[in-house]
Amino acid sequence: MHKVLLCLFCVCVGPGRLPAQTTANTAFAKLQALNGDWEGTYAWSGGRNNTGKMFAHYYATGNESAMVEDLAVDGVPVMTTVYHMDGSDLRLTHFCAAQNQPRLKETAIDPDGKRILFSFVDITNLRSPTAGHVHGLEVRFLEADHITLRFQFKSGDKDSDELIDLHRKK
């Protein structure tokens, strides 16, 4: 009987299930390492086209259980994203300049940990089904002091990307 239970435990909790939690936790630790001030640029493509300078401030909150990303243009905060673990899932809520709050879940992490893809789960305060909102996010860790964020934005039948290229302020 004990051998049967041990076998069932190994099948249910075995190697096939542990890497996702370990990978998501490792990805969250990489986000936590962003703590501090960053500066760089943003560039829209697709349905919108404009560019400019972007500033970011990263900090932990909730007894280190969440990482906050504040993005600002010309010293004015425009977006905030809060990254956090939900059990074994890495999730985020994005407080958008479009005045809605999409929630996304990590759907892919590169084996080398240099890229995290987040996909849309649901949203609050969407004014209409065609109102603009973030629908996806790609975070790339290029170097210890260099990252990019690529927000996928949907508005009606138009898709846009906002690429934010950030370097840690020295």
N, C-alpha and C. Protein backbone atom coordinates (compact mmCIF):
# COMPACT_ATOMS: atom_id res chain seq x y z
N MET A 1 0.82 -1.19 0.00
CA MET A 1 0.00 0.00 0.00
C MET A 1 0.86 1.26 0.00
N HIS A 2 1.91 1.28 0.81
CA HIS A 2 2.79 2.45 0.86
C HIS A 2 3.49 2.67 -0.47
N LYS A 3 3.86 1.58 -1.14
CA LYS A 3 4.51 1.72 -2.44
C LYS A 3 3.56 2.31 -3.47
N VAL A 4 2.30 1.91 -3.42
CA VAL A 4 1.31 2.45 -4.35
C VAL A 4 1.13 3.95 -4.12
N LEU A 5 1.03 4.36 -2.86
CA LEU A 5 0.89 5.79 -2.55
C LEU A 5 2.12 6.57 -2.99
N LEU A 6 3.31 6.00 -2.78
CA LEU A 6 4.54 6.66 -3.20
C LEU A 6 4.57 6.83 -4.71
N CYS A 7 4.17 5.79 -5.44
CA CYS A 7 4.13 5.88 -6.90
C CYS A 7 3.14 6.95 -7.37
N LEU A 8 1.95 6.99 -6.76
CA LEU A 8 0.97 8.01 -7.11
C LEU A 8 1.50 9.40 -6.81
N PHE A 9 2.18 9.57 -5.69
CA PHE A 9 2.77 10.86 -5.33
C PHE A 9 3.79 11.29 -6.37
N CYS A 10 4.64 10.37 -6.78
CA CYS A 10 5.68 10.69 -7.76
C CYS A 10 5.08 11.07 -9.10
N VAL A 11 4.00 10.40 -9.49
CA VAL A 11 3.36 10.72 -10.76
C VAL A 11 2.68 12.08 -10.68
N CYS A 12 2.00 12.37 -9.56
CA CYS A 12 1.26 13.63 -9.43
C CYS A 12 2.16 14.83 -9.19
N VAL A 13 3.26 14.65 -8.47
CA VAL A 13 4.10 15.78 -8.10
C VAL A 13 5.46 15.70 -8.77
N GLY A 14 5.69 14.69 -9.53
CA GLY A 14 7.00 14.42 -10.09
C GLY A 14 7.55 15.49 -11.01
N PRO A 15 8.61 15.17 -11.72
CA PRO A 15 9.37 16.13 -12.49
C PRO A 15 8.54 16.92 -13.51
N GLY A 16 7.49 16.35 -14.02
CA GLY A 16 6.68 17.06 -15.01
C GLY A 16 5.97 18.27 -14.45
N ARG A 17 5.78 18.36 -13.14
CA ARG A 17 5.02 19.47 -12.55
C ARG A 17 5.91 20.50 -11.86
N LEU A 18 7.07 20.12 -11.39
CA LEU A 18 7.89 21.04 -10.61
C LEU A 18 8.54 22.15 -11.42
N PRO A 19 9.02 21.94 -12.66
CA PRO A 19 9.70 23.01 -13.36
C PRO A 19 8.87 24.26 -13.58
N ALA A 20 7.56 24.12 -13.82
CA ALA A 20 6.74 25.30 -14.06
C ALA A 20 6.77 26.22 -12.86
N GLN A 21 6.63 25.67 -11.66
CA GLN A 21 6.67 26.49 -10.46
C GLN A 21 8.06 27.07 -10.28
N THR A 22 9.08 26.27 -10.44
CA THR A 22 10.45 26.73 -10.29
C THR A 22 10.76 27.79 -11.34
N THR A 23 10.35 27.59 -12.57
CA THR A 23 10.59 28.55 -13.65
C THR A 23 9.88 29.86 -13.37
N ALA A 24 8.62 29.81 -12.96
CA ALA A 24 7.87 31.03 -12.66
C ALA A 24 8.49 31.77 -11.47
N ASN A 25 8.88 31.05 -10.46
CA ASN A 25 9.53 31.68 -9.30
C ASN A 25 10.85 32.33 -9.70
N THR A 26 11.60 31.65 -10.56
CA THR A 26 12.86 32.21 -11.05
C THR A 26 12.60 33.48 -11.87
N ALA A 27 11.57 33.45 -12.70
CA ALA A 27 11.22 34.63 -13.49
C ALA A 27 10.80 35.78 -12.57
N PHE A 28 10.04 35.49 -11.53
CA PHE A 28 9.64 36.53 -10.59
C PHE A 28 10.87 37.12 -9.89
N ALA A 29 11.83 36.28 -9.55
CA ALA A 29 13.07 36.77 -8.93
C ALA A 29 13.81 37.71 -9.88
N LYS A 30 13.77 37.43 -11.20
CA LYS A 30 14.41 38.34 -12.17
C LYS A 30 13.70 39.68 -12.19
N LEU A 31 12.38 39.66 -12.07
CA LEU A 31 11.63 40.91 -12.00
C LEU A 31 11.99 41.68 -10.73
N GLN A 32 12.14 40.98 -9.63
CA GLN A 32 12.50 41.63 -8.37
C GLN A 32 13.89 42.28 -8.46
N ALA A 33 14.77 41.71 -9.26
CA ALA A 33 16.12 42.26 -9.41
C ALA A 33 16.14 43.59 -10.17
N LEU A 34 15.00 43.98 -10.74
CA LEU A 34 14.91 45.26 -11.46
C LEU A 34 14.81 46.45 -10.50
N ASN A 35 14.71 46.21 -9.23
CA ASN A 35 14.53 47.26 -8.22
C ASN A 35 15.41 48.47 -8.52
N GLY A 36 14.79 49.66 -8.57
CA GLY A 36 15.54 50.88 -8.81
C GLY A 36 14.96 51.71 -9.94
N ASP A 37 15.76 52.66 -10.42
CA ASP A 37 15.33 53.61 -11.45
C ASP A 37 15.94 53.26 -12.81
N TRP A 38 15.13 53.42 -13.84
CA TRP A 38 15.49 53.09 -15.21
C TRP A 38 15.08 54.24 -16.13
N GLU A 39 15.74 54.33 -17.29
CA GLU A 39 15.37 55.33 -18.28
C GLU A 39 15.59 54.76 -19.68
N GLY A 40 14.86 55.32 -20.63
CA GLY A 40 15.01 54.84 -22.00
C GLY A 40 14.00 55.49 -22.92
N THR A 41 13.49 54.72 -23.86
CA THR A 41 12.60 55.24 -24.88
C THR A 41 11.40 54.31 -25.06
N TYR A 42 10.36 54.89 -25.68
CA TYR A 42 9.23 54.08 -26.12
C TYR A 42 8.96 54.39 -27.58
N ALA A 43 8.44 53.42 -28.28
CA ALA A 43 8.08 53.60 -29.69
C ALA A 43 6.85 52.76 -29.98
N TRP A 44 5.83 53.40 -30.52
CA TRP A 44 4.61 52.71 -30.93
C TRP A 44 4.72 52.30 -32.39
N SER A 45 4.10 51.19 -32.72
CA SER A 45 3.99 50.77 -34.12
C SER A 45 2.62 50.12 -34.31
N GLY A 46 2.19 50.03 -35.54
CA GLY A 46 0.87 49.46 -35.82
C GLY A 46 -0.16 50.56 -35.90
N GLY A 47 -1.24 50.42 -35.15
CA GLY A 47 -2.34 51.38 -35.18
C GLY A 47 -1.97 52.75 -34.64
N ARG A 48 -0.90 52.85 -33.85
CA ARG A 48 -0.42 54.14 -33.31
C ARG A 48 1.04 54.30 -33.70
N ASN A 49 1.47 55.52 -33.86
CA ASN A 49 2.87 55.77 -34.21
C ASN A 49 3.36 57.02 -33.50
N ASN A 50 4.09 56.87 -32.42
CA ASN A 50 4.78 57.98 -31.79
C ASN A 50 5.91 57.43 -30.94
N THR A 51 6.83 58.31 -30.57
CA THR A 51 8.01 57.91 -29.81
C THR A 51 8.28 58.94 -28.73
N GLY A 52 9.14 58.58 -27.78
CA GLY A 52 9.51 59.52 -26.75
C GLY A 52 10.39 58.88 -25.70
N LYS A 53 10.68 59.64 -24.66
CA LYS A 53 11.48 59.14 -23.56
C LYS A 53 10.58 58.54 -22.49
N MET A 54 11.07 57.48 -21.87
CA MET A 54 10.31 56.77 -20.84
C MET A 54 11.20 56.59 -19.63
N PHE A 55 10.62 56.74 -18.46
CA PHE A 55 11.31 56.51 -17.20
C PHE A 55 10.55 55.45 -16.43
N ALA A 56 11.27 54.63 -15.68
CA ALA A 56 10.63 53.57 -14.90
C ALA A 56 11.23 53.52 -13.51
N HIS A 57 10.38 53.16 -12.57
CA HIS A 57 10.81 52.93 -11.19
C HIS A 57 10.23 51.59 -10.77
N TYR A 58 11.09 50.70 -10.29
CA TYR A 58 10.69 49.37 -9.83
C TYR A 58 10.91 49.29 -8.32
N TYR A 59 9.94 48.71 -7.62
CA TYR A 59 10.10 48.50 -6.18
C TYR A 59 9.20 47.36 -5.72
N ALA A 60 9.62 46.72 -4.64
CA ALA A 60 8.84 45.63 -4.06
C ALA A 60 7.84 46.18 -3.06
N THR A 61 6.72 45.48 -2.91
CA THR A 61 5.71 45.83 -1.92
C THR A 61 5.08 44.54 -1.41
N GLY A 62 4.21 44.67 -0.43
CA GLY A 62 3.52 43.48 0.09
C GLY A 62 4.47 42.47 0.70
N ASN A 63 5.43 42.98 1.49
CA ASN A 63 6.41 42.09 2.12
C ASN A 63 7.14 41.24 1.08
N GLU A 64 7.55 41.92 -0.02
CA GLU A 64 8.31 41.31 -1.12
C GLU A 64 7.47 40.35 -1.98
N SER A 65 6.14 40.35 -1.82
CA SER A 65 5.30 39.42 -2.58
C SER A 65 4.86 39.98 -3.93
N ALA A 66 5.10 41.27 -4.17
CA ALA A 66 4.72 41.88 -5.44
C ALA A 66 5.80 42.86 -5.87
N MET A 67 5.98 42.98 -7.18
CA MET A 67 6.93 43.92 -7.76
C MET A 67 6.14 44.94 -8.55
N VAL A 68 6.37 46.22 -8.25
CA VAL A 68 5.64 47.31 -8.89
C VAL A 68 6.55 47.97 -9.93
N GLU A 69 5.98 48.23 -11.09
CA GLU A 69 6.66 48.91 -12.18
C GLU A 69 5.87 50.17 -12.49
N ASP A 70 6.44 51.33 -12.18
CA ASP A 70 5.81 52.61 -12.52
C ASP A 70 6.50 53.18 -13.74
N LEU A 71 5.74 53.46 -14.80
CA LEU A 71 6.27 54.03 -16.03
C LEU A 71 5.80 55.47 -16.15
N ALA A 72 6.72 56.37 -16.51
CA ALA A 72 6.40 57.79 -16.58
C ALA A 72 6.98 58.41 -17.85
N VAL A 73 6.27 59.41 -18.37
CA VAL A 73 6.71 60.20 -19.52
C VAL A 73 6.75 61.65 -19.05
N ASP A 74 7.88 62.31 -19.26
CA ASP A 74 8.06 63.70 -18.85
C ASP A 74 7.73 63.91 -17.37
N GLY A 75 8.11 62.94 -16.55
CA GLY A 75 7.89 63.04 -15.12
C GLY A 75 6.47 62.75 -14.66
N VAL A 76 5.57 62.45 -15.60
CA VAL A 76 4.17 62.18 -15.27
C VAL A 76 3.92 60.68 -15.33
N PRO A 77 3.48 60.06 -14.22
CA PRO A 77 3.17 58.62 -14.25
C PRO A 77 2.05 58.35 -15.26
N VAL A 78 2.27 57.33 -16.11
CA VAL A 78 1.25 56.99 -17.12
C VAL A 78 0.73 55.58 -16.98
N MET A 79 1.52 54.67 -16.43
CA MET A 79 1.10 53.27 -16.30
C MET A 79 1.80 52.65 -15.10
N THR A 80 1.13 51.71 -14.48
CA THR A 80 1.71 50.93 -13.40
C THR A 80 1.36 49.48 -13.63
N THR A 81 2.33 48.61 -13.47
CA THR A 81 2.10 47.18 -13.56
C THR A 81 2.56 46.55 -12.25
N VAL A 82 1.74 45.65 -11.71
CA VAL A 82 2.09 44.94 -10.48
C VAL A 82 2.22 43.46 -10.83
N TYR A 83 3.43 42.91 -10.67
CA TYR A 83 3.73 41.50 -10.94
C TYR A 83 3.68 40.75 -9.62
N HIS A 84 3.14 39.54 -9.63
CA HIS A 84 3.08 38.75 -8.40
C HIS A 84 2.86 37.27 -8.73
N MET A 85 3.19 36.44 -7.76
CA MET A 85 2.92 35.01 -7.88
C MET A 85 1.50 34.75 -7.38
N ASP A 86 0.82 33.81 -8.02
CA ASP A 86 -0.48 33.32 -7.59
C ASP A 86 -0.36 31.81 -7.57
N GLY A 87 0.05 31.27 -6.42
CA GLY A 87 0.39 29.85 -6.37
C GLY A 87 1.63 29.64 -7.23
N SER A 88 1.53 28.78 -8.23
CA SER A 88 2.67 28.52 -9.11
C SER A 88 2.63 29.37 -10.37
N ASP A 89 1.65 30.28 -10.48
CA ASP A 89 1.52 31.12 -11.67
C ASP A 89 2.09 32.51 -11.43
N LEU A 90 2.77 33.04 -12.42
CA LEU A 90 3.23 34.42 -12.41
C LEU A 90 2.18 35.25 -13.13
N ARG A 91 1.67 36.26 -12.46
CA ARG A 91 0.59 37.08 -13.01
C ARG A 91 0.93 38.55 -12.89
N LEU A 92 0.12 39.37 -13.57
CA LEU A 92 0.26 40.82 -13.44
C LEU A 92 -1.09 41.48 -13.62
N THR A 93 -1.20 42.65 -13.03
CA THR A 93 -2.31 43.56 -13.29
C THR A 93 -1.67 44.85 -13.80
N HIS A 94 -2.17 45.32 -14.94
CA HIS A 94 -1.63 46.52 -15.58
C HIS A 94 -2.64 47.65 -15.43
N PHE A 95 -2.25 48.72 -14.75
CA PHE A 95 -3.09 49.89 -14.58
C PHE A 95 -2.74 50.84 -15.71
N CYS A 96 -3.57 50.81 -16.75
CA CYS A 96 -3.24 51.38 -18.05
C CYS A 96 -3.62 52.86 -18.16
N ALA A 97 -2.91 53.57 -19.03
CA ALA A 97 -3.26 54.94 -19.36
C ALA A 97 -4.64 55.00 -20.01
N ALA A 98 -5.11 53.88 -20.55
CA ALA A 98 -6.45 53.81 -21.14
C ALA A 98 -7.53 53.70 -20.05
N GLN A 99 -7.11 53.76 -18.80
CA GLN A 99 -8.00 53.75 -17.63
C GLN A 99 -8.77 52.45 -17.46
N ASN A 100 -8.11 51.34 -17.82
CA ASN A 100 -8.65 50.03 -17.51
C ASN A 100 -7.53 49.20 -16.91
N GLN A 101 -7.87 48.00 -16.45
CA GLN A 101 -6.90 47.18 -15.73
C GLN A 101 -6.90 45.74 -16.26
N PRO A 102 -6.16 45.49 -17.35
CA PRO A 102 -6.05 44.11 -17.83
C PRO A 102 -5.22 43.27 -16.87
N ARG A 103 -5.63 42.02 -16.74
CA ARG A 103 -4.88 41.05 -15.93
C ARG A 103 -4.35 39.99 -16.88
N LEU A 104 -3.06 39.70 -16.74
CA LEU A 104 -2.39 38.77 -17.62
C LEU A 104 -1.70 37.69 -16.80
N LYS A 105 -1.46 36.56 -17.45
CA LYS A 105 -0.79 35.42 -16.82
C LYS A 105 0.38 35.01 -17.71
N GLU A 106 1.47 34.64 -17.06
CA GLU A 106 2.64 34.14 -17.80
C GLU A 106 2.24 32.88 -18.55
N THR A 107 2.53 32.87 -19.85
CA THR A 107 2.22 31.69 -20.66
C THR A 107 3.45 31.05 -21.27
N ALA A 108 4.60 31.71 -21.17
CA ALA A 108 5.85 31.12 -21.66
C ALA A 108 7.04 31.82 -21.01
N ILE A 109 8.00 31.02 -20.61
CA ILE A 109 9.26 31.53 -20.09
C ILE A 109 10.36 30.78 -20.83
N ASP A 110 11.26 31.52 -21.48
CA ASP A 110 12.36 30.86 -22.17
C ASP A 110 13.20 30.07 -21.18
N PRO A 111 13.74 28.94 -21.61
CA PRO A 111 14.55 28.12 -20.70
C PRO A 111 15.73 28.88 -20.09
N ASP A 112 16.29 29.85 -20.83
CA ASP A 112 17.41 30.62 -20.28
C ASP A 112 16.93 31.77 -19.38
N GLY A 113 15.61 31.94 -19.25
CA GLY A 113 15.05 32.94 -18.37
C GLY A 113 15.16 34.36 -18.89
N LYS A 114 15.46 34.54 -20.17
CA LYS A 114 15.66 35.89 -20.70
C LYS A 114 14.39 36.49 -21.31
N ARG A 115 13.31 35.72 -21.36
CA ARG A 115 12.07 36.24 -21.94
C ARG A 115 10.88 35.63 -21.22
N ILE A 116 9.93 36.51 -20.86
CA ILE A 116 8.67 36.07 -20.26
C ILE A 116 7.55 36.61 -21.14
N LEU A 117 6.63 35.75 -21.52
CA LEU A 117 5.44 36.16 -22.27
C LEU A 117 4.23 36.07 -21.36
N PHE A 118 3.43 37.13 -21.36
CA PHE A 118 2.20 37.18 -20.60
C PHE A 118 1.04 37.31 -21.58
N SER A 119 -0.06 36.59 -21.29
CA SER A 119 -1.24 36.63 -22.15
C SER A 119 -2.46 37.09 -21.35
N PHE A 120 -3.37 37.69 -22.05
CA PHE A 120 -4.59 38.27 -21.49
C PHE A 120 -5.44 37.21 -20.78
N VAL A 121 -5.93 37.55 -19.60
CA VAL A 121 -6.86 36.70 -18.86
C VAL A 121 -8.23 37.37 -18.81
N ASP A 122 -8.28 38.58 -18.25
CA ASP A 122 -9.52 39.34 -18.17
C ASP A 122 -9.20 40.80 -17.91
N ILE A 123 -10.24 41.62 -17.75
CA ILE A 123 -10.02 43.05 -17.62
C ILE A 123 -11.14 43.68 -16.80
N THR A 124 -10.81 44.74 -16.08
CA THR A 124 -11.82 45.52 -15.38
C THR A 124 -11.88 46.91 -16.03
N ASN A 125 -13.05 47.54 -15.92
CA ASN A 125 -13.29 48.90 -16.42
C ASN A 125 -13.09 49.07 -17.92
N LEU A 126 -13.37 48.02 -18.69
CA LEU A 126 -13.34 48.16 -20.15
C LEU A 126 -14.64 48.84 -20.57
N ARG A 127 -14.54 50.02 -21.15
CA ARG A 127 -15.74 50.83 -21.45
C ARG A 127 -16.65 50.19 -22.50
N SER A 128 -16.05 49.49 -23.44
CA SER A 128 -16.82 48.79 -24.48
C SER A 128 -15.96 47.64 -24.99
N PRO A 129 -16.55 46.67 -25.67
CA PRO A 129 -15.76 45.54 -26.18
C PRO A 129 -14.67 45.95 -27.17
N THR A 130 -14.79 47.14 -27.78
CA THR A 130 -13.79 47.59 -28.75
C THR A 130 -12.83 48.63 -28.17
N ALA A 131 -12.99 48.97 -26.89
CA ALA A 131 -12.11 49.96 -26.27
C ALA A 131 -10.67 49.45 -26.21
N GLY A 132 -9.72 50.37 -26.31
CA GLY A 132 -8.31 50.01 -26.29
C GLY A 132 -7.87 49.42 -24.96
N HIS A 133 -7.02 48.39 -25.05
CA HIS A 133 -6.49 47.76 -23.84
C HIS A 133 -5.27 46.90 -24.17
N VAL A 134 -4.43 46.70 -23.16
CA VAL A 134 -3.28 45.80 -23.28
C VAL A 134 -3.79 44.37 -23.37
N HIS A 135 -3.26 43.64 -24.34
CA HIS A 135 -3.69 42.26 -24.55
C HIS A 135 -2.55 41.26 -24.36
N GLY A 136 -1.33 41.75 -24.27
CA GLY A 136 -0.19 40.86 -24.07
C GLY A 136 1.03 41.68 -23.69
N LEU A 137 2.02 41.00 -23.13
CA LEU A 137 3.27 41.65 -22.75
C LEU A 137 4.41 40.66 -22.89
N GLU A 138 5.51 41.15 -23.45
CA GLU A 138 6.75 40.39 -23.51
C GLU A 138 7.81 41.17 -22.75
N VAL A 139 8.43 40.54 -21.76
CA VAL A 139 9.53 41.14 -21.02
C VAL A 139 10.80 40.42 -21.44
N ARG A 140 11.80 41.18 -21.87
CA ARG A 140 13.10 40.60 -22.26
C ARG A 140 14.19 41.17 -21.37
N PHE A 141 15.00 40.28 -20.82
CA PHE A 141 16.15 40.64 -20.00
C PHE A 141 17.37 40.53 -20.90
N LEU A 142 17.82 41.63 -21.48
CA LEU A 142 18.91 41.62 -22.45
C LEU A 142 20.26 41.54 -21.75
N GLU A 143 20.42 42.32 -20.70
CA GLU A 143 21.62 42.32 -19.86
C GLU A 143 21.16 42.67 -18.45
N ALA A 144 22.06 42.62 -17.49
CA ALA A 144 21.68 42.92 -16.11
C ALA A 144 21.07 44.32 -15.99
N ASP A 145 21.52 45.26 -16.81
CA ASP A 145 21.04 46.63 -16.72
C ASP A 145 20.33 47.09 -18.00
N HIS A 146 19.73 46.14 -18.74
CA HIS A 146 19.06 46.48 -19.99
C HIS A 146 17.89 45.51 -20.19
N ILE A 147 16.68 46.07 -20.29
CA ILE A 147 15.49 45.25 -20.54
C ILE A 147 14.63 45.92 -21.60
N THR A 148 13.73 45.15 -22.19
CA THR A 148 12.70 45.71 -23.05
C THR A 148 11.35 45.15 -22.61
N LEU A 149 10.35 45.98 -22.77
CA LEU A 149 8.96 45.59 -22.55
C LEU A 149 8.24 45.82 -23.87
N ARG A 150 7.48 44.85 -24.32
CA ARG A 150 6.69 45.04 -25.55
C ARG A 150 5.23 44.75 -25.20
N PHE A 151 4.46 45.84 -25.06
CA PHE A 151 3.03 45.72 -24.79
C PHE A 151 2.28 45.55 -26.10
N GLN A 152 1.39 44.56 -26.16
CA GLN A 152 0.49 44.41 -27.31
C GLN A 152 -0.83 45.06 -26.91
N PHE A 153 -1.29 45.99 -27.74
CA PHE A 153 -2.45 46.80 -27.44
C PHE A 153 -3.51 46.58 -28.51
N LYS A 154 -4.75 46.33 -28.11
CA LYS A 154 -5.87 46.15 -29.03
C LYS A 154 -6.83 47.31 -28.87
N SER A 155 -7.29 47.83 -29.99
CA SER A 155 -8.30 48.89 -29.98
C SER A 155 -9.18 48.67 -31.20
N GLY A 156 -10.39 48.17 -30.96
CA GLY A 156 -11.27 47.83 -32.08
C GLY A 156 -10.63 46.74 -32.92
N ASP A 157 -10.49 46.99 -34.21
CA ASP A 157 -9.86 46.01 -35.09
C ASP A 157 -8.39 46.33 -35.35
N LYS A 158 -7.82 47.30 -34.60
CA LYS A 158 -6.42 47.68 -34.79
C LYS A 158 -5.56 47.14 -33.66
N ASP A 159 -4.41 46.61 -34.03
CA ASP A 159 -3.42 46.14 -33.08
C ASP A 159 -2.21 47.07 -33.15
N SER A 160 -1.66 47.36 -31.98
CA SER A 160 -0.45 48.18 -31.90
C SER A 160 0.51 47.52 -30.93
N ASP A 161 1.78 47.83 -31.08
CA ASP A 161 2.80 47.41 -30.13
C ASP A 161 3.46 48.66 -29.57
N GLU A 162 3.74 48.63 -28.28
CA GLU A 162 4.54 49.68 -27.67
C GLU A 162 5.81 49.02 -27.15
N LEU A 163 6.94 49.37 -27.76
CA LEU A 163 8.23 48.82 -27.34
C LEU A 163 8.91 49.83 -26.43
N ILE A 164 9.21 49.40 -25.22
CA ILE A 164 9.89 50.25 -24.24
C ILE A 164 11.27 49.64 -24.01
N ASP A 165 12.30 50.42 -24.27
CA ASP A 165 13.70 49.98 -24.14
C ASP A 165 14.30 50.73 -22.96
N LEU A 166 14.68 50.02 -21.89
CA LEU A 166 15.11 50.64 -20.65
C LEU A 166 16.51 50.21 -20.23
N HIS A 167 17.26 51.16 -19.69
CA HIS A 167 18.58 50.92 -19.09
C HIS A 167 18.54 51.41 -17.65
N ARG A 168 19.19 50.66 -16.76
CA ARG A 168 19.23 51.08 -15.36
C ARG A 168 20.00 52.39 -15.24
N LYS A 169 19.45 53.34 -14.49
CA LYS A 169 20.14 54.61 -14.26
C LYS A 169 21.34 54.36 -13.35
N LYS A 170 22.43 54.99 -13.68
CA LYS A 170 23.65 54.81 -12.90
C LYS A 170 23.82 55.90 -11.90
